Amino acid sequence: MAANALPTTLPDGEVQHLTEEISQAKGDLEGMVKENEKEISDMDAIKNDIDNTGPAISAVKEQETISAAAKDMQLREENAVADENEQQTLALDSLSQVNKALEQINGKNALGESQTNPVEAAVQKLSKLQKQLEVGTSTSHNLERIEQMQEKSKQLVTDAKDLAKFAKMSAPGELGESKMNAQQKQIEEDALAQIQKVKDTANAAIEKSTAAAQQGGVMGMLNSARTSAEPAQAAPAEAAAPAQGGVMGMLNSARTSAETAQAAGESRADRMLSQEQETLAQLGDQEAMAVKAEKVSIKQLKGMINDMA
């Protein structure tokens, strides 16, 4: 709807004002189309991020990929929120310009000045545009959807970080054994070293008793020393057996605890992996709905712009 659709009886100054207001309203709508197109571009980038989070060469690499994708999605979603807010600003300004134009035309009508058919047509178009803008500025479901996507992407970053840590703990070490197994092996080696220490102490006591008897040179002393050494030999050996049993018991307990902890960790990791995949699927669905809504919005905006031609 251009200036030639306005009443010719209006003074040139008022016609100019109306033309400027309508032109500004139209410019705002065109700006909204551009913001919608930018938002679609951000949503397409999010879809690409999601599509690139498939299986990798390792669990660690897979989680690192998901984490990087989620961080990029957060940036894209932040841009999309900014686009939505800018669209809202433009829509409100466009509505304000339309309201001014209607007030100016209706003001002339209130003064008793007759309206020609072109003026009636202009009022009808402006009134239709006014209602469309009022509905469009009342709420933004797409903004709510994108804000929900932000929360999911944030959680995805946290989950991927935790799962990457677990994957690294379970990854093979330099010697081909898991780090968990390497730690368990170290505990066992330390315990066995304690057992050997007890045995070495017992043997040293026996050797010391025998040496003392030999230096005496008296058979009675030797026999006495041997008699004393035999209980001494038996005592450390007997002490070693319970000690060994106690240490092995401790090892068995440690192994059981480690296996239980590992099983619990794997169960939690499985749940997190399942949740992670579900979150990615939800983000994909929301992205598709957001793009669909943006395309509908562009179609509506272009229709409104054509009505103002």
C-alpha atoms as a PDB file:
ATOM      1  CA  MET A   1       0.000   0.000   0.000  1.00  0.00           C
ATOM      2  CA  ALA A   2       1.816   3.106  -1.201  1.00  0.00           C
ATOM      3  CA  ALA A   3       1.032   6.812  -0.826  1.00  0.00           C
ATOM      4  CA  ASN A   4      -1.353   6.726  -3.818  1.00  0.00           C
ATOM      5  CA  ALA A   5      -3.729   4.619  -1.703  1.00  0.00           C
ATOM      6  CA  LEU A   6      -4.108   7.471   0.808  1.00  0.00           C
ATOM      7  CA  PRO A   7      -6.816  10.165   0.647  1.00  0.00           C
ATOM      8  CA  THR A   8      -5.925  12.940  -1.792  1.00  0.00           C
ATOM      9  CA  THR A   9      -7.774  15.472   0.341  1.00  0.00           C
ATOM     10  CA  LEU A  10      -5.073  15.312   3.067  1.00  0.00           C
ATOM     11  CA  PRO A  11      -2.518  18.100   3.165  1.00  0.00           C
ATOM     12  CA  ASP A  12       0.852  17.268   1.655  1.00  0.00           C
ATOM     13  CA  GLY A  13       2.492  17.297   5.095  1.00  0.00           C
ATOM     14  CA  GLU A  14       0.108  14.684   6.474  1.00  0.00           C
ATOM     15  CA  VAL A  15       0.424  12.530   3.394  1.00  0.00           C
ATOM     16  CA  GLN A  16       4.211  12.660   3.872  1.00  0.00           C
ATOM     17  CA  HIS A  17       3.904  11.582   7.508  1.00  0.00           C
ATOM     18  CA  LEU A  18       1.653   8.684   6.583  1.00  0.00           C
ATOM     19  CA  THR A  19       4.023   7.638   3.834  1.00  0.00           C
ATOM     20  CA  GLU A  20       6.983   7.669   6.238  1.00  0.00           C
ATOM     21  CA  GLU A  21       5.115   5.682   8.891  1.00  0.00           C
ATOM     22  CA  ILE A  22       3.994   3.038   6.428  1.00  0.00           C
ATOM     23  CA  SER A  23       7.460   2.880   4.874  1.00  0.00           C
ATOM     24  CA  GLN A  24       8.990   2.396   8.335  1.00  0.00           C
ATOM     25  CA  ALA A  25       6.486  -0.331   9.157  1.00  0.00           C
ATOM     26  CA  LYS A  26       7.304  -2.077   5.904  1.00  0.00           C
ATOM     27  CA  GLY A  27      11.042  -1.747   6.574  1.00  0.00           C
ATOM     28  CA  ASP A  28      10.577  -3.335   9.992  1.00  0.00           C
ATOM     29  CA  LEU A  29       8.782  -6.289   8.420  1.00  0.00           C
ATOM     30  CA  GLU A  30      11.573  -6.731   5.884  1.00  0.00           C
ATOM     31  CA  GLY A  31      14.055  -6.630   8.759  1.00  0.00           C
ATOM     32  CA  MET A  32      12.107  -9.383  10.486  1.00  0.00           C
ATOM     33  CA  VAL A  33      12.403 -11.543   7.378  1.00  0.00           C
ATOM     34  CA  LYS A  34      16.188 -11.162   7.499  1.00  0.00           C
ATOM     35  CA  GLU A  35      16.282 -12.063  11.206  1.00  0.00           C
ATOM     36  CA  ASN A  36      14.199 -15.158  10.471  1.00  0.00           C
ATOM     37  CA  GLU A  37      16.617 -16.180   7.741  1.00  0.00           C
ATOM     38  CA  LYS A  38      19.587 -15.705  10.100  1.00  0.00           C
ATOM     39  CA  GLU A  39      17.848 -17.852  12.674  1.00  0.00           C
ATOM     40  CA  ILE A  40      17.265 -20.609  10.126  1.00  0.00           C
ATOM     41  CA  SER A  41      20.983 -20.498   9.342  1.00  0.00           C
ATOM     42  CA  ASP A  42      21.795 -20.969  13.049  1.00  0.00           C
ATOM     43  CA  MET A  43      19.329 -23.849  13.284  1.00  0.00           C
ATOM     44  CA  ASP A  44      20.893 -25.489  10.217  1.00  0.00           C
ATOM     45  CA  ALA A  45      24.286 -25.259  11.936  1.00  0.00           C
ATOM     46  CA  ILE A  46      22.817 -26.938  15.022  1.00  0.00           C
ATOM     47  CA  LYS A  47      21.436 -29.745  12.857  1.00  0.00           C
ATOM     48  CA  ASN A  48      24.893 -30.184  11.362  1.00  0.00           C
ATOM     49  CA  ASP A  49      26.402 -30.366  14.861  1.00  0.00           C
ATOM     50  CA  ILE A  50      23.924 -33.073  15.855  1.00  0.00           C
ATOM     51  CA  ASP A  51      24.512 -35.058  12.645  1.00  0.00           C
ATOM     52  CA  ASN A  52      28.264 -35.065  13.308  1.00  0.00           C
ATOM     53  CA  THR A  53      28.004 -36.668  16.774  1.00  0.00           C
ATOM     54  CA  GLY A  54      27.969 -40.260  15.568  1.00  0.00           C
ATOM     55  CA  PRO A  55      30.299 -43.067  16.712  1.00  0.00           C
ATOM     56  CA  ALA A  56      34.009 -42.185  16.759  1.00  0.00           C
ATOM     57  CA  ILE A  57      37.227 -44.209  16.881  1.00  0.00           C
ATOM     58  CA  SER A  58      37.044 -44.247  20.687  1.00  0.00           C
ATOM     59  CA  ALA A  59      34.592 -43.465  23.478  1.00  0.00           C
ATOM     60  CA  VAL A  60      36.804 -40.585  24.592  1.00  0.00           C
ATOM     61  CA  LYS A  61      36.876 -39.084  21.094  1.00  0.00           C
ATOM     62  CA  GLU A  62      33.117 -39.512  20.749  1.00  0.00           C
ATOM     63  CA  GLN A  63      32.448 -37.564  23.963  1.00  0.00           C
ATOM     64  CA  GLU A  64      34.922 -34.859  22.992  1.00  0.00           C
ATOM     65  CA  THR A  65      33.064 -34.487  19.686  1.00  0.00           C
ATOM     66  CA  ILE A  66      29.702 -34.274  21.449  1.00  0.00           C
ATOM     67  CA  SER A  67      31.063 -31.716  23.911  1.00  0.00           C
ATOM     68  CA  ALA A  68      32.435 -29.533  21.095  1.00  0.00           C
ATOM     69  CA  ALA A  69      29.141 -29.825  19.203  1.00  0.00           C
ATOM     70  CA  ALA A  70      27.125 -28.885  22.292  1.00  0.00           C
ATOM     71  CA  LYS A  71      29.290 -25.810  22.888  1.00  0.00           C
ATOM     72  CA  ASP A  72      28.795 -24.718  19.290  1.00  0.00           C
ATOM     73  CA  MET A  73      25.055 -25.303  19.645  1.00  0.00           C
ATOM     74  CA  GLN A  74      25.051 -23.019  22.684  1.00  0.00           C
ATOM     75  CA  LEU A  75      26.594 -20.226  20.599  1.00  0.00           C
ATOM     76  CA  ARG A  76      24.086 -20.782  17.791  1.00  0.00           C
ATOM     77  CA  GLU A  77      21.191 -20.814  20.238  1.00  0.00           C
ATOM     78  CA  GLU A  78      22.436 -17.596  21.793  1.00  0.00           C
ATOM     79  CA  ASN A  79      22.441 -16.020  18.329  1.00  0.00           C
ATOM     80  CA  ALA A  80      18.940 -17.343  17.688  1.00  0.00           C
ATOM     81  CA  VAL A  81      17.654 -15.822  20.942  1.00  0.00           C
ATOM     82  CA  ALA A  82      19.163 -12.487  19.882  1.00  0.00           C
ATOM     83  CA  ASP A  83      17.426 -12.843  16.488  1.00  0.00           C
ATOM     84  CA  GLU A  84      14.105 -13.534  18.206  1.00  0.00           C
ATOM     85  CA  ASN A  85      14.491 -10.480  20.437  1.00  0.00           C
ATOM     86  CA  GLU A  86      15.357  -8.313  17.438  1.00  0.00           C
ATOM     87  CA  GLN A  87      12.287  -9.598  15.599  1.00  0.00           C
ATOM     88  CA  GLN A  88      10.161  -8.659  18.591  1.00  0.00           C
ATOM     89  CA  THR A  89      11.648  -5.148  18.612  1.00  0.00           C
ATOM     90  CA  LEU A  90      10.996  -4.706  14.893  1.00  0.00           C
ATOM     91  CA  ALA A  91       7.453  -6.071  15.197  1.00  0.00           C
ATOM     92  CA  LEU A  92       6.620  -3.665  18.010  1.00  0.00           C
ATOM     93  CA  ASP A  93       8.006  -0.736  16.036  1.00  0.00           C
ATOM     94  CA  SER A  94       6.075  -1.791  12.953  1.00  0.00           C
ATOM     95  CA  LEU A  95       2.886  -2.038  15.037  1.00  0.00           C
ATOM     96  CA  SER A  96       3.571   1.417  16.451  1.00  0.00           C
ATOM     97  CA  GLN A  97       3.905   2.877  12.943  1.00  0.00           C
ATOM     98  CA  VAL A  98       0.687   1.190  11.799  1.00  0.00           C
ATOM     99  CA  ASN A  99      -1.153   2.506  14.872  1.00  0.00           C
ATOM    100  CA  LYS A 100       0.024   6.036  14.108  1.00  0.00           C
ATOM    101  CA  ALA A 101      -1.155   5.768  10.511  1.00  0.00           C
ATOM    102  CA  LEU A 102      -4.570   4.480  11.568  1.00  0.00           C
ATOM    103  CA  GLU A 103      -4.930   7.152  14.225  1.00  0.00           C
ATOM    104  CA  GLN A 104      -4.151   9.839  11.660  1.00  0.00           C
ATOM    105  CA  ILE A 105      -6.699   8.514   9.133  1.00  0.00           C
ATOM    106  CA  ASN A 106      -9.369   7.855  11.766  1.00  0.00           C
ATOM    107  CA  GLY A 107      -8.774  11.319  13.185  1.00  0.00           C
ATOM    108  CA  LYS A 108      -9.668  12.868   9.866  1.00  0.00           C
ATOM    109  CA  ASN A 109     -12.754  10.698   9.669  1.00  0.00           C
ATOM    110  CA  ALA A 110     -13.821  11.810  13.146  1.00  0.00           C
ATOM    111  CA  LEU A 111     -13.737  15.384  11.936  1.00  0.00           C
ATOM    112  CA  GLY A 112     -16.449  14.553   9.440  1.00  0.00           C
ATOM    113  CA  GLU A 113     -14.267  14.517   6.373  1.00  0.00           C
ATOM    114  CA  SER A 114     -15.523  11.992   3.830  1.00  0.00           C
ATOM    115  CA  GLN A 115     -13.375   9.000   2.926  1.00  0.00           C
ATOM    116  CA  THR A 116     -12.998   7.823  -0.612  1.00  0.00           C
ATOM    117  CA  ASN A 117     -12.808   4.153  -1.556  1.00  0.00           C
ATOM    118  CA  PRO A 118      -8.986   4.205  -1.664  1.00  0.00           C
ATOM    119  CA  VAL A 119      -8.942   5.413   1.942  1.00  0.00           C
ATOM    120  CA  GLU A 120     -11.329   2.670   3.019  1.00  0.00           C
ATOM    121  CA  ALA A 121      -9.085   0.110   1.357  1.00  0.00           C
ATOM    122  CA  ALA A 122      -6.075   1.586   3.136  1.00  0.00           C
ATOM    123  CA  VAL A 123      -7.799   1.392   6.504  1.00  0.00           C
ATOM    124  CA  GLN A 124      -8.800  -2.221   5.902  1.00  0.00           C
ATOM    125  CA  LYS A 125      -5.247  -3.222   5.045  1.00  0.00           C
ATOM    126  CA  LEU A 126      -3.769  -1.345   7.965  1.00  0.00           C
ATOM    127  CA  SER A 127      -6.329  -2.825  10.353  1.00  0.00           C
ATOM    128  CA  LYS A 128      -5.521  -6.333   9.121  1.00  0.00           C
ATOM    129  CA  LEU A 129      -1.822  -5.654   9.536  1.00  0.00           C
ATOM    130  CA  GLN A 130      -2.453  -4.260  13.010  1.00  0.00           C
ATOM    131  CA  LYS A 131      -4.209  -7.447  14.143  1.00  0.00           C
ATOM    132  CA  GLN A 132      -1.487  -9.664  12.683  1.00  0.00           C
ATOM    133  CA  LEU A 133       1.234  -7.718  14.451  1.00  0.00           C
ATOM    134  CA  GLU A 134      -0.679  -7.726  17.735  1.00  0.00           C
ATOM    135  CA  VAL A 135      -0.890 -11.517  17.610  1.00  0.00           C
ATOM    136  CA  GLY A 136       2.729 -11.848  16.538  1.00  0.00           C
ATOM    137  CA  THR A 137       4.043  -9.670  19.369  1.00  0.00           C
ATOM    138  CA  SER A 138       1.892 -11.207  22.119  1.00  0.00           C
ATOM    139  CA  THR A 139       4.131 -14.276  22.547  1.00  0.00           C
ATOM    140  CA  SER A 140       7.020 -16.033  20.871  1.00  0.00           C
ATOM    141  CA  HIS A 141       6.764 -19.822  21.030  1.00  0.00           C
ATOM    142  CA  ASN A 142       9.956 -20.121  19.040  1.00  0.00           C
ATOM    143  CA  LEU A 143      11.836 -18.102  21.656  1.00  0.00           C
ATOM    144  CA  GLU A 144      10.562 -20.462  24.354  1.00  0.00           C
ATOM    145  CA  ARG A 145      11.605 -23.449  22.246  1.00  0.00           C
ATOM    146  CA  ILE A 146      15.126 -22.094  21.726  1.00  0.00           C
ATOM    147  CA  GLU A 147      15.500 -21.328  25.428  1.00  0.00           C
ATOM    148  CA  GLN A 148      14.606 -24.971  26.138  1.00  0.00           C
ATOM    149  CA  MET A 149      17.251 -26.008  23.631  1.00  0.00           C
ATOM    150  CA  GLN A 150      19.777 -23.892  25.515  1.00  0.00           C
ATOM    151  CA  GLU A 151      19.094 -25.813  28.732  1.00  0.00           C
ATOM    152  CA  LYS A 152      19.502 -29.146  26.950  1.00  0.00           C
ATOM    153  CA  SER A 153      22.752 -28.106  25.285  1.00  0.00           C
ATOM    154  CA  LYS A 154      24.102 -26.933  28.626  1.00  0.00           C
ATOM    155  CA  GLN A 155      23.314 -30.313  30.204  1.00  0.00           C
ATOM    156  CA  LEU A 156      24.837 -32.064  27.200  1.00  0.00           C
ATOM    157  CA  VAL A 157      28.166 -30.297  27.776  1.00  0.00           C
ATOM    158  CA  THR A 158      28.209 -31.424  31.427  1.00  0.00           C
ATOM    159  CA  ASP A 159      27.274 -35.036  30.620  1.00  0.00           C
ATOM    160  CA  ALA A 160      29.826 -35.307  27.810  1.00  0.00           C
ATOM    161  CA  LYS A 161      32.548 -34.030  30.141  1.00  0.00           C
ATOM    162  CA  ASP A 162      31.698 -36.632  32.808  1.00  0.00           C
ATOM    163  CA  LEU A 163      31.442 -39.454  30.279  1.00  0.00           C
ATOM    164  CA  ALA A 164      34.785 -38.484  28.742  1.00  0.00           C
ATOM    165  CA  LYS A 165      36.411 -38.735  32.185  1.00  0.00           C
ATOM    166  CA  PHE A 166      34.930 -42.189  32.726  1.00  0.00           C
ATOM    167  CA  ALA A 167      36.027 -43.282  29.250  1.00  0.00           C
ATOM    168  CA  LYS A 168      39.588 -42.118  29.942  1.00  0.00           C
ATOM    169  CA  MET A 169      39.678 -44.070  33.213  1.00  0.00           C
ATOM    170  CA  SER A 170      38.534 -47.192  31.381  1.00  0.00           C
ATOM    171  CA  ALA A 171      40.798 -46.699  28.353  1.00  0.00           C
ATOM    172  CA  PRO A 172      43.787 -49.051  27.827  1.00  0.00           C
ATOM    173  CA  GLY A 173      47.065 -47.839  29.361  1.00  0.00           C
ATOM    174  CA  GLU A 174      50.556 -47.972  27.896  1.00  0.00           C
ATOM    175  CA  LEU A 175      50.962 -51.694  28.809  1.00  0.00           C
ATOM    176  CA  GLY A 176      47.592 -52.646  27.334  1.00  0.00           C
ATOM    177  CA  GLU A 177      45.792 -52.810  30.693  1.00  0.00           C
ATOM    178  CA  SER A 178      43.200 -50.414  31.968  1.00  0.00           C
ATOM    179  CA  LYS A 179      44.227 -47.742  34.425  1.00  0.00           C
ATOM    180  CA  MET A 180      41.819 -49.234  36.934  1.00  0.00           C
ATOM    181  CA  ASN A 181      43.558 -52.606  36.580  1.00  0.00           C
ATOM    182  CA  ALA A 182      46.958 -50.940  36.875  1.00  0.00           C
ATOM    183  CA  GLN A 183      45.917 -49.362  40.178  1.00  0.00           C
ATOM    184  CA  GLN A 184      44.582 -52.695  41.443  1.00  0.00           C
ATOM    185  CA  LYS A 185      47.819 -54.409  40.417  1.00  0.00           C
ATOM    186  CA  GLN A 186      49.823 -51.847  42.358  1.00  0.00           C
ATOM    187  CA  ILE A 187      47.793 -52.595  45.502  1.00  0.00           C
ATOM    188  CA  GLU A 188      48.438 -56.313  45.078  1.00  0.00           C
ATOM    189  CA  GLU A 189      52.167 -55.778  44.557  1.00  0.00           C
ATOM    190  CA  ASP A 190      52.378 -53.660  47.710  1.00  0.00           C
ATOM    191  CA  ALA A 191      50.596 -56.339  49.724  1.00  0.00           C
ATOM    192  CA  LEU A 192      52.835 -59.114  48.406  1.00  0.00           C
ATOM    193  CA  ALA A 193      55.842 -57.009  49.271  1.00  0.00           C
ATOM    194  CA  GLN A 194      54.583 -56.861  52.862  1.00  0.00           C
ATOM    195  CA  ILE A 195      54.333 -60.677  52.935  1.00  0.00           C
ATOM    196  CA  GLN A 196      57.876 -61.062  51.610  1.00  0.00           C
ATOM    197  CA  LYS A 197      59.107 -58.633  54.239  1.00  0.00           C
ATOM    198  CA  VAL A 198      57.687 -60.863  57.004  1.00  0.00           C
ATOM    199  CA  LYS A 199      59.377 -63.912  55.469  1.00  0.00           C
ATOM    200  CA  ASP A 200      62.700 -62.115  55.150  1.00  0.00           C
ATOM    201  CA  THR A 201      62.553 -61.070  58.800  1.00  0.00           C
ATOM    202  CA  ALA A 202      61.933 -64.683  59.868  1.00  0.00           C
ATOM    203  CA  ASN A 203      64.821 -66.008  57.803  1.00  0.00           C
ATOM    204  CA  ALA A 204      67.141 -63.350  59.184  1.00  0.00           C
ATOM    205  CA  ALA A 205      66.292 -64.414  62.744  1.00  0.00           C
ATOM    206  CA  ILE A 206      67.102 -68.049  61.963  1.00  0.00           C
ATOM    207  CA  GLU A 207      70.422 -67.181  60.345  1.00  0.00           C
ATOM    208  CA  LYS A 208      71.379 -64.973  63.286  1.00  0.00           C
ATOM    209  CA  SER A 209      70.665 -67.771  65.815  1.00  0.00           C
ATOM    210  CA  THR A 210      72.670 -70.314  63.822  1.00  0.00           C
ATOM    211  CA  ALA A 211      75.651 -67.984  63.487  1.00  0.00           C
ATOM    212  CA  ALA A 212      75.718 -67.307  67.222  1.00  0.00           C
ATOM    213  CA  ALA A 213      75.768 -71.055  68.000  1.00  0.00           C
ATOM    214  CA  GLN A 214      78.599 -71.736  65.569  1.00  0.00           C
ATOM    215  CA  GLN A 215      80.765 -68.975  67.034  1.00  0.00           C
ATOM    216  CA  GLY A 216      80.400 -70.503  70.534  1.00  0.00           C
ATOM    217  CA  GLY A 217      82.210 -73.696  69.474  1.00  0.00           C
ATOM    218  CA  VAL A 218      80.419 -75.690  72.166  1.00  0.00           C
ATOM    219  CA  MET A 219      78.101 -78.492  71.090  1.00  0.00           C
ATOM    220  CA  GLY A 220      75.757 -77.812  73.963  1.00  0.00           C
ATOM    221  CA  MET A 221      75.482 -74.173  72.966  1.00  0.00           C
ATOM    222  CA  LEU A 222      74.854 -75.217  69.394  1.00  0.00           C
ATOM    223  CA  ASN A 223      72.122 -77.607  70.410  1.00  0.00           C
ATOM    224  CA  SER A 224      70.666 -74.957  72.672  1.00  0.00           C
ATOM    225  CA  ALA A 225      70.811 -72.415  69.879  1.00  0.00           C
ATOM    226  CA  ARG A 226      69.186 -74.831  67.467  1.00  0.00           C
ATOM    227  CA  THR A 227      66.513 -75.609  70.009  1.00  0.00           C
ATOM    228  CA  SER A 228      65.902 -71.879  70.404  1.00  0.00           C
ATOM    229  CA  ALA A 229      66.044 -71.283  66.690  1.00  0.00           C
ATOM    230  CA  GLU A 230      63.409 -73.876  65.857  1.00  0.00           C
ATOM    231  CA  PRO A 231      60.629 -72.074  67.755  1.00  0.00           C
ATOM    232  CA  ALA A 232      61.909 -68.816  66.348  1.00  0.00           C
ATOM    233  CA  GLN A 233      61.686 -70.220  62.859  1.00  0.00           C
ATOM    234  CA  ALA A 234      58.234 -71.573  63.461  1.00  0.00           C
ATOM    235  CA  ALA A 235      56.962 -68.380  65.040  1.00  0.00           C
ATOM    236  CA  PRO A 236      57.748 -66.075  62.069  1.00  0.00           C
ATOM    237  CA  ALA A 237      56.422 -68.696  59.682  1.00  0.00           C
ATOM    238  CA  GLU A 238      53.226 -68.980  61.683  1.00  0.00           C
ATOM    239  CA  ALA A 239      53.039 -65.202  61.874  1.00  0.00           C
ATOM    240  CA  ALA A 240      53.574 -64.950  58.123  1.00  0.00           C
ATOM    241  CA  ALA A 241      50.682 -67.277  57.382  1.00  0.00           C
ATOM    242  CA  PRO A 242      48.065 -65.239  59.245  1.00  0.00           C
ATOM    243  CA  ALA A 243      49.634 -62.078  57.922  1.00  0.00           C
ATOM    244  CA  GLN A 244      49.500 -63.449  54.413  1.00  0.00           C
ATOM    245  CA  GLY A 245      45.919 -64.519  54.941  1.00  0.00           C
ATOM    246  CA  GLY A 246      45.027 -61.092  56.279  1.00  0.00           C
ATOM    247  CA  VAL A 247      46.654 -59.306  53.387  1.00  0.00           C
ATOM    248  CA  MET A 248      45.057 -61.621  50.836  1.00  0.00           C
ATOM    249  CA  GLY A 249      41.754 -61.096  52.554  1.00  0.00           C
ATOM    250  CA  MET A 250      42.323 -57.387  52.237  1.00  0.00           C
ATOM    251  CA  LEU A 251      43.206 -57.871  48.562  1.00  0.00           C
ATOM    252  CA  ASN A 252      40.086 -59.903  47.915  1.00  0.00           C
ATOM    253  CA  SER A 253      38.012 -57.267  49.660  1.00  0.00           C
ATOM    254  CA  ALA A 254      39.703 -54.533  47.635  1.00  0.00           C
ATOM    255  CA  ARG A 255      39.080 -56.433  44.428  1.00  0.00           C
ATOM    256  CA  THR A 256      35.418 -56.942  45.295  1.00  0.00           C
ATOM    257  CA  SER A 257      35.032 -53.261  46.166  1.00  0.00           C
ATOM    258  CA  ALA A 258      36.781 -52.218  42.971  1.00  0.00           C
ATOM    259  CA  GLU A 259      34.610 -54.515  40.865  1.00  0.00           C
ATOM    260  CA  THR A 260      31.455 -53.240  42.584  1.00  0.00           C
ATOM    261  CA  ALA A 261      32.527 -49.621  42.115  1.00  0.00           C
ATOM    262  CA  GLN A 262      33.404 -50.258  38.485  1.00  0.00           C
ATOM    263  CA  ALA A 263      30.068 -51.969  37.845  1.00  0.00           C
ATOM    264  CA  ALA A 264      28.228 -49.066  39.484  1.00  0.00           C
ATOM    265  CA  GLY A 265      30.223 -46.613  37.404  1.00  0.00           C
ATOM    266  CA  GLU A 266      29.465 -48.503  34.215  1.00  0.00           C
ATOM    267  CA  SER A 267      25.754 -48.622  35.100  1.00  0.00           C
ATOM    268  CA  ARG A 268      25.696 -44.869  35.705  1.00  0.00           C
ATOM    269  CA  ALA A 269      27.647 -44.296  32.485  1.00  0.00           C
ATOM    270  CA  ASP A 270      25.126 -46.413  30.559  1.00  0.00           C
ATOM    271  CA  ARG A 271      22.275 -44.312  31.933  1.00  0.00           C
ATOM    272  CA  MET A 272      24.106 -41.098  31.048  1.00  0.00           C
ATOM    273  CA  LEU A 273      24.840 -42.369  27.538  1.00  0.00           C
ATOM    274  CA  SER A 274      21.177 -43.225  27.063  1.00  0.00           C
ATOM    275  CA  GLN A 275      20.149 -39.798  28.353  1.00  0.00           C
ATOM    276  CA  GLU A 276      22.735 -38.149  26.121  1.00  0.00           C
ATOM    277  CA  GLN A 277      21.351 -39.806  23.007  1.00  0.00           C
ATOM    278  CA  GLU A 278      17.813 -38.897  24.046  1.00  0.00           C
ATOM    279  CA  THR A 279      18.843 -35.266  24.544  1.00  0.00           C
ATOM    280  CA  LEU A 280      20.460 -35.160  21.100  1.00  0.00           C
ATOM    281  CA  ALA A 281      17.268 -36.571  19.577  1.00  0.00           C
ATOM    282  CA  GLN A 282      15.156 -33.971  21.402  1.00  0.00           C
ATOM    283  CA  LEU A 283      17.431 -31.176  20.216  1.00  0.00           C
ATOM    284  CA  GLY A 284      17.069 -32.463  16.662  1.00  0.00           C
ATOM    285  CA  ASP A 285      13.271 -32.439  16.945  1.00  0.00           C
ATOM    286  CA  GLN A 286      13.213 -28.940  18.440  1.00  0.00           C
ATOM    287  CA  GLU A 287      15.570 -27.658  15.755  1.00  0.00           C
ATOM    288  CA  ALA A 288      13.279 -29.013  13.046  1.00  0.00           C
ATOM    289  CA  MET A 289      10.222 -27.403  14.661  1.00  0.00           C
ATOM    290  CA  ALA A 290      12.057 -24.091  15.019  1.00  0.00           C
ATOM    291  CA  VAL A 291      12.997 -24.061  11.320  1.00  0.00           C
ATOM    292  CA  LYS A 292       9.425 -24.928  10.344  1.00  0.00           C
ATOM    293  CA  ALA A 293       8.096 -22.059  12.477  1.00  0.00           C
ATOM    294  CA  GLU A 294      10.610 -19.634  10.966  1.00  0.00           C
ATOM    295  CA  LYS A 295       9.608 -20.579   7.435  1.00  0.00           C
ATOM    296  CA  VAL A 296       5.941 -20.067   8.272  1.00  0.00           C
ATOM    297  CA  SER A 297       6.817 -16.689   9.791  1.00  0.00           C
ATOM    298  CA  ILE A 298       8.728 -15.636   6.666  1.00  0.00           C
ATOM    299  CA  LYS A 299       5.765 -16.573   4.476  1.00  0.00           C
ATOM    300  CA  GLN A 300       3.408 -14.541   6.673  1.00  0.00           C
ATOM    301  CA  LEU A 301       5.743 -11.546   6.769  1.00  0.00           C
ATOM    302  CA  LYS A 302       6.151 -11.516   3.015  1.00  0.00           C
ATOM    303  CA  GLY A 303       2.359 -11.630   2.655  1.00  0.00           C
ATOM    304  CA  MET A 304       2.077  -8.639   4.984  1.00  0.00           C
ATOM    305  CA  ILE A 305       4.728  -6.769   2.979  1.00  0.00           C
ATOM    306  CA  ASN A 306       2.883  -7.462  -0.253  1.00  0.00           C
ATOM    307  CA  ASP A 307      -0.316  -6.087   1.313  1.00  0.00           C
ATOM    308  CA  MET A 308       1.515  -2.816   1.908  1.00  0.00           C
ATOM    309  CA  ALA A 309       2.633  -2.521  -1.719  1.00  0.00           C
END
